[in-house]
């Protein structure tokens, strides 16, 4: 690793960020984090965070793999993005970035605006509240600010979502109870016409 690593160097040289690196590469965003003149704060989800997102989106297998989880996430984004996962992937990744350098101490208890344009609330105990309130799990900032030549990295244990995404288990629950899912409110409602399918 270089003596004065960029954010991209930190991500590329840490095996726990291999899914993040794969996502940044797919969205053609690696150069943004290589630019030494940039000043950015990045919430970097670990591989476990990507696995957790895949499970939330319905990746229920006996022996999960990071490769399978990533493919499942891309498939879900393809369905949500009308056939093209890249715009949604880019939106999700830029939701993990703040302009300027902001330390953990400065973040606690604040609401910040991301590069994606959406707001992100940081609870005083460092849980991040994104735009997917139906999730049971809010990602947490891990201890320690990781300094880079072009900003700061906060390691987080989950992937942040800039749009409401209803967990896959909710749809299965609604089906089992002979109701349909209202994806906006992420709750089960009576089927139109009242009959079972």
N, C-alpha and C. Protein backbone atom coordinates (compact mmCIF):
# COMPACT_ATOMS: atom_id res chain seq x y z
N UNK A 1 0.85 -1.18 0.00
CA UNK A 1 0.00 0.00 0.00
C UNK A 1 0.90 1.24 0.00
N UNK A 2 0.48 2.30 -0.71
CA UNK A 2 1.27 3.53 -0.73
C UNK A 2 1.42 4.12 0.68
N UNK A 3 2.46 4.95 0.85
CA UNK A 3 2.72 5.57 2.15
C UNK A 3 1.56 6.46 2.55
N UNK A 4 1.02 7.21 1.61
CA UNK A 4 -0.10 8.12 1.87
C UNK A 4 -1.30 7.64 1.04
N UNK A 5 -2.00 6.58 1.50
CA UNK A 5 -3.03 5.95 0.67
C UNK A 5 -4.28 6.82 0.49
N UNK A 6 -4.88 6.68 -0.69
CA UNK A 6 -6.17 7.31 -0.94
C UNK A 6 -7.27 6.41 -0.39
N UNK A 7 -8.48 6.90 -0.44
CA UNK A 7 -9.63 6.08 -0.02
C UNK A 7 -9.69 4.81 -0.88
N UNK A 8 -9.46 4.96 -2.18
CA UNK A 8 -9.48 3.80 -3.08
C UNK A 8 -8.40 2.79 -2.69
N UNK A 9 -7.21 3.27 -2.29
CA UNK A 9 -6.14 2.37 -1.86
C UNK A 9 -6.55 1.60 -0.60
N UNK A 10 -7.15 2.30 0.35
CA UNK A 10 -7.58 1.65 1.60
C UNK A 10 -8.60 0.54 1.32
N UNK A 11 -9.54 0.83 0.43
CA UNK A 11 -10.58 -0.15 0.09
C UNK A 11 -9.96 -1.33 -0.66
N UNK A 12 -9.10 -1.04 -1.63
CA UNK A 12 -8.51 -2.10 -2.46
C UNK A 12 -7.57 -3.01 -1.68
N UNK A 13 -6.97 -2.50 -0.62
CA UNK A 13 -5.98 -3.28 0.13
C UNK A 13 -6.52 -3.88 1.42
N UNK A 14 -7.83 -3.92 1.57
CA UNK A 14 -8.45 -4.54 2.75
C UNK A 14 -9.44 -5.59 2.25
N UNK A 15 -9.15 -6.85 2.54
CA UNK A 15 -10.01 -7.94 2.06
C UNK A 15 -11.45 -7.83 2.54
N UNK A 16 -11.68 -7.12 3.64
CA UNK A 16 -13.05 -6.99 4.15
C UNK A 16 -13.88 -6.00 3.34
N UNK A 17 -13.26 -5.35 2.37
CA UNK A 17 -13.99 -4.42 1.50
C UNK A 17 -14.05 -4.93 0.06
N UNK A 18 -13.87 -6.23 -0.17
CA UNK A 18 -13.86 -6.73 -1.55
C UNK A 18 -15.20 -6.53 -2.25
N UNK A 19 -16.31 -6.66 -1.54
CA UNK A 19 -17.63 -6.42 -2.16
C UNK A 19 -17.81 -4.94 -2.48
N UNK A 20 -17.34 -4.07 -1.59
CA UNK A 20 -17.42 -2.63 -1.85
C UNK A 20 -16.59 -2.28 -3.08
N UNK A 21 -15.39 -2.83 -3.18
CA UNK A 21 -14.54 -2.56 -4.35
C UNK A 21 -15.22 -3.06 -5.63
N UNK A 22 -15.84 -4.22 -5.56
CA UNK A 22 -16.55 -4.77 -6.72
C UNK A 22 -17.70 -3.85 -7.13
N UNK A 23 -18.43 -3.31 -6.14
CA UNK A 23 -19.54 -2.40 -6.42
C UNK A 23 -19.04 -1.09 -7.01
N UNK A 24 -17.96 -0.53 -6.44
CA UNK A 24 -17.39 0.72 -6.96
C UNK A 24 -16.90 0.53 -8.39
N UNK A 25 -16.31 -0.62 -8.67
CA UNK A 25 -15.82 -0.91 -10.02
C UNK A 25 -17.00 -1.03 -11.00
N UNK A 26 -18.04 -1.75 -10.59
CA UNK A 26 -19.22 -1.92 -11.46
C UNK A 26 -19.87 -0.59 -11.79
N UNK A 27 -19.89 0.33 -10.81
CA UNK A 27 -20.52 1.64 -11.01
C UNK A 27 -19.55 2.66 -11.59
N UNK A 28 -18.32 2.24 -11.88
CA UNK A 28 -17.29 3.11 -12.45
C UNK A 28 -17.01 4.32 -11.55
N UNK A 29 -16.90 4.07 -10.24
CA UNK A 29 -16.67 5.15 -9.28
C UNK A 29 -15.29 5.09 -8.61
N UNK A 30 -14.46 4.14 -8.95
CA UNK A 30 -13.16 4.00 -8.29
C UNK A 30 -12.33 5.28 -8.44
N UNK A 31 -12.36 5.90 -9.63
CA UNK A 31 -11.56 7.11 -9.86
C UNK A 31 -11.93 8.25 -8.92
N UNK A 32 -13.18 8.33 -8.52
CA UNK A 32 -13.62 9.37 -7.59
C UNK A 32 -12.82 9.28 -6.29
N UNK A 33 -12.55 8.05 -5.85
CA UNK A 33 -11.88 7.83 -4.58
C UNK A 33 -10.36 7.70 -4.73
N UNK A 34 -9.87 7.80 -5.96
CA UNK A 34 -8.44 7.81 -6.24
C UNK A 34 -7.92 9.24 -6.30
N UNK A 35 -8.80 10.18 -6.60
CA UNK A 35 -8.44 11.59 -6.77
C UNK A 35 -7.88 12.17 -5.46
N UNK A 36 -6.59 12.50 -5.45
CA UNK A 36 -5.93 13.01 -4.25
C UNK A 36 -6.37 14.43 -3.88
N UNK A 37 -6.94 15.17 -4.82
CA UNK A 37 -7.38 16.54 -4.50
C UNK A 37 -8.79 16.57 -3.91
N UNK A 38 -9.44 15.43 -3.87
CA UNK A 38 -10.79 15.36 -3.29
C UNK A 38 -10.71 15.45 -1.77
N UNK A 39 -11.83 15.80 -1.17
CA UNK A 39 -11.95 15.82 0.29
C UNK A 39 -13.30 15.19 0.62
N UNK A 40 -13.27 13.90 1.00
CA UNK A 40 -14.50 13.13 1.15
C UNK A 40 -14.54 12.37 2.47
N UNK A 41 -15.75 12.11 2.92
CA UNK A 41 -15.99 11.21 4.04
C UNK A 41 -16.78 10.04 3.49
N UNK A 42 -16.29 8.83 3.72
CA UNK A 42 -16.92 7.64 3.16
C UNK A 42 -17.34 6.70 4.28
N UNK A 43 -18.59 6.25 4.22
CA UNK A 43 -19.08 5.18 5.09
C UNK A 43 -18.86 3.89 4.30
N UNK A 44 -17.90 3.08 4.73
CA UNK A 44 -17.50 1.90 3.96
C UNK A 44 -18.08 0.62 4.56
N UNK A 45 -19.08 0.03 3.88
CA UNK A 45 -19.66 -1.22 4.39
C UNK A 45 -18.70 -2.40 4.22
N UNK A 46 -18.65 -3.24 5.21
CA UNK A 46 -17.83 -4.45 5.15
C UNK A 46 -18.53 -5.50 4.29
N UNK A 47 -17.81 -6.58 4.01
CA UNK A 47 -18.41 -7.69 3.26
C UNK A 47 -19.63 -8.24 4.00
N UNK A 48 -19.56 -8.32 5.33
CA UNK A 48 -20.71 -8.80 6.10
C UNK A 48 -21.92 -7.89 5.90
N UNK A 49 -21.67 -6.59 5.74
CA UNK A 49 -22.76 -5.66 5.47
C UNK A 49 -23.46 -5.96 4.15
N UNK A 50 -22.67 -6.32 3.13
CA UNK A 50 -23.25 -6.70 1.84
C UNK A 50 -24.02 -8.01 1.95
N UNK A 51 -23.49 -8.96 2.72
CA UNK A 51 -24.22 -10.22 2.94
C UNK A 51 -25.55 -9.95 3.63
N UNK A 52 -25.54 -9.06 4.61
CA UNK A 52 -26.78 -8.73 5.32
C UNK A 52 -27.80 -8.09 4.38
N UNK A 53 -27.34 -7.19 3.50
CA UNK A 53 -28.25 -6.58 2.52
C UNK A 53 -28.84 -7.64 1.61
N UNK A 54 -28.01 -8.57 1.15
CA UNK A 54 -28.50 -9.64 0.27
C UNK A 54 -29.59 -10.46 0.96
N UNK A 55 -29.40 -10.76 2.24
CA UNK A 55 -30.42 -11.50 3.00
C UNK A 55 -31.70 -10.68 3.09
N UNK A 56 -31.57 -9.39 3.36
CA UNK A 56 -32.73 -8.50 3.43
C UNK A 56 -33.50 -8.53 2.11
N UNK A 57 -32.77 -8.65 1.01
CA UNK A 57 -33.39 -8.67 -0.32
C UNK A 57 -33.80 -10.06 -0.78
N UNK A 58 -33.72 -11.05 0.12
CA UNK A 58 -34.23 -12.38 -0.20
C UNK A 58 -33.21 -13.44 -0.52
N UNK A 59 -31.94 -13.21 -0.26
CA UNK A 59 -30.88 -14.20 -0.52
C UNK A 59 -30.84 -15.17 0.66
N UNK A 60 -31.69 -16.17 0.58
CA UNK A 60 -31.81 -17.15 1.65
C UNK A 60 -31.29 -18.48 1.14
N UNK A 61 -30.04 -18.75 1.43
CA UNK A 61 -29.42 -20.02 1.03
C UNK A 61 -28.73 -20.63 2.24
N UNK A 62 -28.56 -21.92 2.18
CA UNK A 62 -27.95 -22.63 3.32
C UNK A 62 -26.49 -22.23 3.53
N UNK A 63 -25.75 -22.10 2.44
CA UNK A 63 -24.33 -21.76 2.53
C UNK A 63 -24.07 -20.49 1.71
N UNK A 64 -24.32 -19.32 2.31
CA UNK A 64 -24.16 -18.07 1.56
C UNK A 64 -22.69 -17.79 1.23
N UNK A 65 -22.50 -17.23 0.06
CA UNK A 65 -21.16 -16.79 -0.36
C UNK A 65 -21.23 -15.32 -0.71
N UNK A 66 -20.11 -14.65 -0.63
CA UNK A 66 -20.07 -13.24 -0.98
C UNK A 66 -20.39 -13.04 -2.46
N UNK A 67 -19.88 -13.93 -3.30
CA UNK A 67 -20.16 -13.87 -4.74
C UNK A 67 -21.66 -14.02 -5.01
N UNK A 68 -22.28 -15.02 -4.37
CA UNK A 68 -23.72 -15.23 -4.53
C UNK A 68 -24.53 -14.07 -4.01
N UNK A 69 -24.09 -13.51 -2.88
CA UNK A 69 -24.79 -12.36 -2.29
C UNK A 69 -24.71 -11.16 -3.22
N UNK A 70 -23.52 -10.90 -3.77
CA UNK A 70 -23.36 -9.77 -4.68
C UNK A 70 -24.23 -9.94 -5.92
N UNK A 71 -24.22 -11.15 -6.48
CA UNK A 71 -25.06 -11.42 -7.66
C UNK A 71 -26.54 -11.22 -7.33
N UNK A 72 -26.96 -11.62 -6.12
CA UNK A 72 -28.35 -11.44 -5.72
C UNK A 72 -28.69 -9.95 -5.60
N UNK A 73 -27.79 -9.17 -5.02
CA UNK A 73 -28.01 -7.73 -4.90
C UNK A 73 -28.14 -7.10 -6.28
N UNK A 74 -27.25 -7.46 -7.20
CA UNK A 74 -27.32 -6.92 -8.57
C UNK A 74 -28.64 -7.32 -9.23
N UNK A 75 -29.08 -8.56 -9.02
CA UNK A 75 -30.36 -9.00 -9.57
C UNK A 75 -31.52 -8.19 -9.00
N UNK A 76 -31.50 -7.94 -7.70
CA UNK A 76 -32.56 -7.15 -7.07
C UNK A 76 -32.55 -5.72 -7.60
N UNK A 77 -31.36 -5.13 -7.75
CA UNK A 77 -31.26 -3.77 -8.28
C UNK A 77 -31.69 -3.73 -9.74
N UNK A 78 -31.45 -4.80 -10.48
CA UNK A 78 -31.90 -4.88 -11.87
C UNK A 78 -33.43 -4.85 -11.93
N UNK A 79 -34.07 -5.61 -11.04
CA UNK A 79 -35.55 -5.60 -11.00
C UNK A 79 -36.07 -4.23 -10.57
N UNK A 80 -35.48 -3.66 -9.53
CA UNK A 80 -35.92 -2.35 -9.04
C UNK A 80 -35.62 -1.24 -10.03
N UNK A 81 -34.56 -1.41 -10.83
CA UNK A 81 -34.13 -0.38 -11.77
C UNK A 81 -34.61 -0.60 -13.19
N UNK A 82 -35.69 -1.35 -13.36
CA UNK A 82 -36.27 -1.59 -14.68
C UNK A 82 -35.25 -2.12 -15.69
N UNK A 83 -34.43 -3.07 -15.26
CA UNK A 83 -33.51 -3.74 -16.16
C UNK A 83 -32.08 -3.25 -16.11
N UNK A 84 -31.81 -2.12 -15.47
CA UNK A 84 -30.45 -1.59 -15.39
C UNK A 84 -30.08 -1.33 -13.93
N UNK A 85 -29.17 -2.13 -13.36
CA UNK A 85 -28.84 -1.96 -11.95
C UNK A 85 -27.91 -0.79 -11.65
N UNK A 86 -27.19 -0.29 -12.65
CA UNK A 86 -26.12 0.69 -12.41
C UNK A 86 -26.62 2.02 -11.84
N UNK A 87 -27.71 2.62 -12.35
CA UNK A 87 -28.15 3.87 -11.73
C UNK A 87 -28.48 3.73 -10.24
N UNK A 88 -29.16 2.64 -9.87
CA UNK A 88 -29.47 2.43 -8.45
C UNK A 88 -28.22 2.12 -7.64
N UNK A 89 -27.31 1.34 -8.20
CA UNK A 89 -26.06 1.03 -7.51
C UNK A 89 -25.27 2.32 -7.28
N UNK A 90 -25.20 3.17 -8.29
CA UNK A 90 -24.50 4.45 -8.16
C UNK A 90 -25.16 5.31 -7.09
N UNK A 91 -26.47 5.32 -7.08
CA UNK A 91 -27.20 6.10 -6.07
C UNK A 91 -26.90 5.58 -4.66
N UNK A 92 -26.90 4.26 -4.50
CA UNK A 92 -26.60 3.67 -3.19
C UNK A 92 -25.17 4.01 -2.76
N UNK A 93 -24.22 3.88 -3.67
CA UNK A 93 -22.82 4.14 -3.32
C UNK A 93 -22.57 5.61 -2.99
N UNK A 94 -23.15 6.53 -3.75
CA UNK A 94 -22.95 7.96 -3.46
C UNK A 94 -23.69 8.38 -2.20
N UNK A 95 -24.66 7.58 -1.76
CA UNK A 95 -25.34 7.83 -0.48
C UNK A 95 -24.41 7.53 0.69
N UNK A 96 -23.31 6.84 0.43
CA UNK A 96 -22.32 6.51 1.46
C UNK A 96 -21.21 7.56 1.56
N UNK A 97 -21.35 8.68 0.84
CA UNK A 97 -20.27 9.66 0.75
C UNK A 97 -20.77 11.05 1.16
N UNK A 98 -19.95 11.73 1.97
CA UNK A 98 -20.22 13.12 2.35
C UNK A 98 -19.13 14.00 1.76
N UNK A 99 -19.47 15.22 1.36
CA UNK A 99 -18.42 16.15 0.94
C UNK A 99 -17.64 16.61 2.17
N UNK A 100 -16.34 16.77 2.03
CA UNK A 100 -15.51 17.23 3.15
C UNK A 100 -15.12 16.09 4.08
N UNK A 101 -14.32 16.43 5.06
CA UNK A 101 -13.84 15.45 6.04
C UNK A 101 -14.59 15.66 7.35
N UNK A 102 -15.31 14.63 7.78
CA UNK A 102 -16.12 14.71 9.00
C UNK A 102 -15.75 13.53 9.90
N UNK A 103 -15.30 13.82 11.11
CA UNK A 103 -14.92 12.77 12.05
C UNK A 103 -16.14 12.16 12.72
N UNK A 104 -15.93 11.03 13.36
CA UNK A 104 -17.02 10.36 14.08
C UNK A 104 -17.59 11.28 15.16
N UNK A 105 -16.71 11.97 15.86
CA UNK A 105 -17.14 12.88 16.93
C UNK A 105 -18.05 13.98 16.38
N UNK A 106 -17.72 14.49 15.20
CA UNK A 106 -18.53 15.54 14.57
C UNK A 106 -19.86 15.01 14.04
N UNK A 107 -19.92 13.72 13.71
CA UNK A 107 -21.13 13.12 13.14
C UNK A 107 -22.20 12.81 14.18
N UNK A 108 -21.79 12.44 15.38
CA UNK A 108 -22.72 11.95 16.41
C UNK A 108 -23.86 12.94 16.66
N UNK A 109 -25.08 12.45 16.49
CA UNK A 109 -26.28 13.24 16.75
C UNK A 109 -26.66 14.21 15.64
N UNK A 110 -26.00 14.13 14.50
CA UNK A 110 -26.25 15.07 13.40
C UNK A 110 -27.04 14.42 12.27
N UNK A 111 -27.64 15.26 11.44
CA UNK A 111 -28.23 14.84 10.18
C UNK A 111 -27.38 15.46 9.09
N UNK A 112 -26.89 14.64 8.16
CA UNK A 112 -25.97 15.11 7.13
C UNK A 112 -26.56 14.85 5.75
N UNK A 113 -26.11 15.63 4.78
CA UNK A 113 -26.54 15.45 3.39
C UNK A 113 -25.43 14.76 2.62
N UNK A 114 -25.78 13.67 1.95
CA UNK A 114 -24.81 12.86 1.22
C UNK A 114 -24.60 13.40 -0.20
N UNK A 115 -23.60 12.88 -0.89
CA UNK A 115 -23.39 13.26 -2.29
C UNK A 115 -24.57 12.88 -3.17
N UNK A 116 -25.29 11.83 -2.78
CA UNK A 116 -26.49 11.40 -3.52
C UNK A 116 -27.58 12.46 -3.41
N UNK A 117 -27.50 13.30 -2.38
CA UNK A 117 -28.49 14.35 -2.17
C UNK A 117 -29.46 14.06 -1.04
N UNK A 118 -29.48 12.83 -0.57
CA UNK A 118 -30.38 12.45 0.51
C UNK A 118 -29.78 12.73 1.87
N UNK A 119 -30.66 12.76 2.86
CA UNK A 119 -30.21 12.97 4.23
C UNK A 119 -29.96 11.64 4.93
N UNK A 120 -29.06 11.68 5.87
CA UNK A 120 -28.68 10.53 6.67
C UNK A 120 -28.56 11.01 8.11
N UNK A 121 -29.27 10.34 9.00
CA UNK A 121 -29.23 10.74 10.42
C UNK A 121 -28.26 9.84 11.16
N UNK A 122 -27.40 10.47 11.95
CA UNK A 122 -26.43 9.73 12.75
C UNK A 122 -26.86 9.86 14.21
N UNK A 123 -27.29 8.76 14.79
CA UNK A 123 -27.72 8.79 16.19
C UNK A 123 -26.51 9.02 17.09
N UNK A 124 -26.73 9.56 18.30
CA UNK A 124 -25.61 9.82 19.21
C UNK A 124 -24.76 8.57 19.49
N UNK A 125 -25.37 7.39 19.44
CA UNK A 125 -24.64 6.14 19.68
C UNK A 125 -24.10 5.55 18.38
N UNK A 126 -24.06 6.37 17.32
CA UNK A 126 -23.42 6.08 16.03
C UNK A 126 -24.13 5.04 15.17
N UNK A 127 -25.42 4.84 15.37
CA UNK A 127 -26.23 4.07 14.41
C UNK A 127 -26.65 5.05 13.32
N UNK A 128 -26.68 4.57 12.09
CA UNK A 128 -27.04 5.40 10.94
C UNK A 128 -28.48 5.08 10.53
N UNK A 129 -29.30 6.10 10.43
CA UNK A 129 -30.70 5.92 10.04
C UNK A 129 -30.84 6.42 8.61
N UNK A 130 -31.07 5.48 7.69
CA UNK A 130 -31.17 5.82 6.28
C UNK A 130 -32.63 5.95 5.86
N UNK A 131 -32.90 5.80 4.56
CA UNK A 131 -34.26 5.96 4.04
C UNK A 131 -35.00 4.65 3.89
N UNK A 132 -34.51 3.60 4.53
CA UNK A 132 -35.18 2.30 4.49
C UNK A 132 -35.61 1.94 5.90
N UNK A 133 -36.58 2.69 6.44
CA UNK A 133 -36.95 2.52 7.85
C UNK A 133 -37.58 1.18 8.18
N UNK A 134 -38.00 0.43 7.19
CA UNK A 134 -38.66 -0.85 7.47
C UNK A 134 -37.65 -1.93 7.86
N UNK A 135 -36.37 -1.66 7.64
CA UNK A 135 -35.35 -2.66 8.01
C UNK A 135 -35.28 -2.78 9.52
N UNK A 136 -34.93 -3.97 9.98
CA UNK A 136 -34.79 -4.19 11.42
C UNK A 136 -33.41 -3.77 11.92
N UNK A 137 -32.53 -3.42 11.03
CA UNK A 137 -31.12 -3.25 11.35
C UNK A 137 -30.62 -1.93 10.80
N UNK A 138 -30.14 -1.05 11.67
CA UNK A 138 -29.50 0.19 11.23
C UNK A 138 -27.99 0.01 11.32
N UNK A 139 -27.27 0.26 10.23
CA UNK A 139 -25.82 0.10 10.27
C UNK A 139 -25.18 0.97 11.35
N UNK A 140 -24.08 0.49 11.90
CA UNK A 140 -23.36 1.18 12.96
C UNK A 140 -21.95 1.52 12.48
N UNK A 141 -21.48 2.71 12.89
CA UNK A 141 -20.10 3.11 12.62
C UNK A 141 -19.20 2.38 13.61
N UNK A 142 -18.21 1.68 13.09
CA UNK A 142 -17.24 0.98 13.94
C UNK A 142 -16.25 1.98 14.52
N UNK A 143 -15.66 1.69 15.67
CA UNK A 143 -14.72 2.63 16.29
C UNK A 143 -13.51 2.93 15.40
N UNK A 144 -13.08 4.17 15.44
CA UNK A 144 -11.87 4.59 14.74
C UNK A 144 -12.14 5.27 13.42
N UNK A 145 -11.55 6.45 13.25
CA UNK A 145 -11.60 7.17 11.98
C UNK A 145 -10.36 6.77 11.19
N UNK A 146 -10.53 6.29 9.98
CA UNK A 146 -9.40 5.87 9.15
C UNK A 146 -9.08 7.01 8.19
N UNK A 147 -7.94 7.64 8.40
CA UNK A 147 -7.53 8.79 7.58
C UNK A 147 -6.95 8.33 6.26
N UNK A 148 -7.22 9.10 5.22
CA UNK A 148 -6.68 8.84 3.89
C UNK A 148 -6.17 10.16 3.32
N UNK A 149 -5.41 10.08 2.24
CA UNK A 149 -4.86 11.28 1.61
C UNK A 149 -5.97 12.21 1.11
N UNK A 150 -7.12 11.65 0.78
CA UNK A 150 -8.21 12.45 0.21
C UNK A 150 -9.49 12.39 1.06
N UNK A 151 -9.34 12.13 2.35
CA UNK A 151 -10.53 12.15 3.20
C UNK A 151 -10.42 11.23 4.39
N UNK A 152 -11.57 10.70 4.75
CA UNK A 152 -11.66 9.85 5.93
C UNK A 152 -12.64 8.71 5.64
N UNK A 153 -12.37 7.55 6.21
CA UNK A 153 -13.24 6.38 6.02
C UNK A 153 -13.79 5.97 7.37
N UNK A 154 -15.10 5.78 7.42
CA UNK A 154 -15.76 5.22 8.60
C UNK A 154 -16.25 3.83 8.20
N UNK A 155 -15.73 2.82 8.86
CA UNK A 155 -16.16 1.44 8.58
C UNK A 155 -17.53 1.24 9.20
N UNK A 156 -18.48 0.70 8.41
CA UNK A 156 -19.83 0.44 8.92
C UNK A 156 -20.19 -1.02 8.68
N UNK A 157 -21.12 -1.52 9.48
CA UNK A 157 -21.45 -2.95 9.41
C UNK A 157 -22.68 -3.27 8.58
N UNK A 158 -23.10 -2.33 7.74
CA UNK A 158 -24.25 -2.56 6.87
C UNK A 158 -24.23 -1.60 5.69
N UNK A 159 -25.03 -1.88 4.69
CA UNK A 159 -25.14 -1.02 3.51
C UNK A 159 -26.29 -0.05 3.73
N UNK A 160 -26.02 1.22 3.49
CA UNK A 160 -27.05 2.26 3.62
C UNK A 160 -27.91 2.29 2.36
N UNK A 161 -29.19 2.58 2.53
CA UNK A 161 -30.11 2.63 1.39
C UNK A 161 -30.77 4.00 1.29
N UNK A 162 -30.65 4.65 0.12
CA UNK A 162 -31.23 5.98 -0.06
C UNK A 162 -32.70 5.96 -0.46
N UNK A 163 -33.28 4.78 -0.52
CA UNK A 163 -34.68 4.67 -0.93
C UNK A 163 -35.34 3.60 -0.08
N UNK A 164 -36.64 3.72 0.13
CA UNK A 164 -37.31 2.69 0.93
C UNK A 164 -37.31 1.36 0.20
N UNK A 165 -36.78 0.36 0.85
CA UNK A 165 -36.77 -1.00 0.32
C UNK A 165 -37.39 -1.88 1.37
N UNK A 166 -38.45 -2.54 1.00
CA UNK A 166 -39.14 -3.41 1.93
C UNK A 166 -38.42 -4.76 1.96
N UNK A 167 -38.07 -5.25 3.14
CA UNK A 167 -37.38 -6.55 3.21
C UNK A 167 -38.20 -7.66 2.57
N UNK A 168 -37.51 -8.60 1.95
CA UNK A 168 -38.16 -9.70 1.23
C UNK A 168 -39.04 -10.54 2.15
N UNK A 169 -38.64 -10.69 3.41
CA UNK A 169 -39.44 -11.52 4.31
C UNK A 169 -40.85 -10.95 4.48
N UNK A 170 -40.99 -9.64 4.34
CA UNK A 170 -42.30 -9.00 4.51
C UNK A 170 -43.26 -9.46 3.41
N UNK A 171 -42.77 -9.54 2.18
CA UNK A 171 -43.61 -9.99 1.07
C UNK A 171 -44.06 -11.44 1.28
N UNK A 172 -43.14 -12.28 1.75
CA UNK A 172 -43.49 -13.69 2.01
C UNK A 172 -44.53 -13.78 3.13
N UNK A 173 -44.37 -12.97 4.16
CA UNK A 173 -45.33 -12.96 5.26
C UNK A 173 -46.72 -12.55 4.75
N UNK A 174 -46.77 -11.51 3.93
CA UNK A 174 -48.06 -11.05 3.40
C UNK A 174 -48.73 -12.15 2.57
N UNK A 175 -47.94 -12.81 1.73
CA UNK A 175 -48.49 -13.89 0.91
C UNK A 175 -49.06 -15.01 1.78
N UNK A 176 -48.32 -15.39 2.82
CA UNK A 176 -48.77 -16.47 3.71
C UNK A 176 -50.06 -16.10 4.43
N UNK A 177 -50.29 -14.83 4.67
CA UNK A 177 -51.50 -14.39 5.36
C UNK A 177 -52.57 -13.91 4.38
N UNK A 178 -52.40 -14.27 3.10
CA UNK A 178 -53.37 -13.98 2.03
C UNK A 178 -53.66 -12.49 1.89
N UNK A 179 -52.61 -11.72 2.02
CA UNK A 179 -52.69 -10.28 1.78
C UNK A 179 -51.61 -9.91 0.79
N UNK A 180 -51.63 -8.66 0.35
CA UNK A 180 -50.56 -8.23 -0.55
C UNK A 180 -49.76 -7.12 0.12
N UNK A 181 -48.56 -6.95 -0.37
CA UNK A 181 -47.64 -5.98 0.21
C UNK A 181 -47.86 -4.60 -0.39
N UNK A 182 -48.00 -3.61 0.47
CA UNK A 182 -47.97 -2.22 0.04
C UNK A 182 -46.50 -1.81 0.12
N UNK A 183 -45.79 -1.74 -1.04
CA UNK A 183 -44.34 -1.51 -0.99
C UNK A 183 -43.96 -0.12 -0.50
N UNK A 184 -44.85 0.84 -0.61
CA UNK A 184 -44.55 2.19 -0.14
C UNK A 184 -44.56 2.24 1.39
N UNK A 185 -45.60 1.66 1.98
CA UNK A 185 -45.71 1.67 3.44
C UNK A 185 -45.07 0.43 4.08
N UNK A 186 -44.68 -0.52 3.25
CA UNK A 186 -44.04 -1.77 3.69
C UNK A 186 -44.90 -2.47 4.74
N UNK A 187 -46.16 -2.67 4.38
CA UNK A 187 -47.06 -3.39 5.28
C UNK A 187 -48.04 -4.20 4.45
N UNK A 188 -48.63 -5.19 5.10
CA UNK A 188 -49.59 -6.05 4.43
C UNK A 188 -50.96 -5.38 4.40
N UNK A 189 -51.62 -5.46 3.27
CA UNK A 189 -52.97 -4.90 3.13
C UNK A 189 -53.86 -5.97 2.50
N UNK A 190 -55.16 -5.78 2.64
CA UNK A 190 -56.09 -6.72 2.02
C UNK A 190 -55.95 -6.67 0.52
N UNK A 191 -56.11 -7.83 -0.08
CA UNK A 191 -56.03 -7.90 -1.54
C UNK A 191 -57.20 -7.14 -2.16
N UNK A 192 -56.94 -6.55 -3.30
CA UNK A 192 -58.02 -5.87 -4.02
C UNK A 192 -59.07 -6.89 -4.40
N UNK A 193 -60.30 -6.62 -4.17
CA UNK A 193 -61.37 -7.57 -4.46
C UNK A 193 -61.64 -8.51 -3.30
N UNK A 194 -60.75 -8.48 -2.30
CA UNK A 194 -60.97 -9.25 -1.08
C UNK A 194 -60.75 -10.74 -1.17
N UNK A 195 -60.54 -11.28 -2.37
CA UNK A 195 -60.39 -12.73 -2.50
C UNK A 195 -58.96 -13.20 -2.34
N UNK A 196 -58.84 -14.50 -2.13
CA UNK A 196 -57.50 -15.09 -2.04
C UNK A 196 -57.01 -15.43 -3.43
N UNK A 197 -55.71 -15.47 -3.55
CA UNK A 197 -55.12 -15.87 -4.83
C UNK A 197 -54.55 -17.26 -4.68
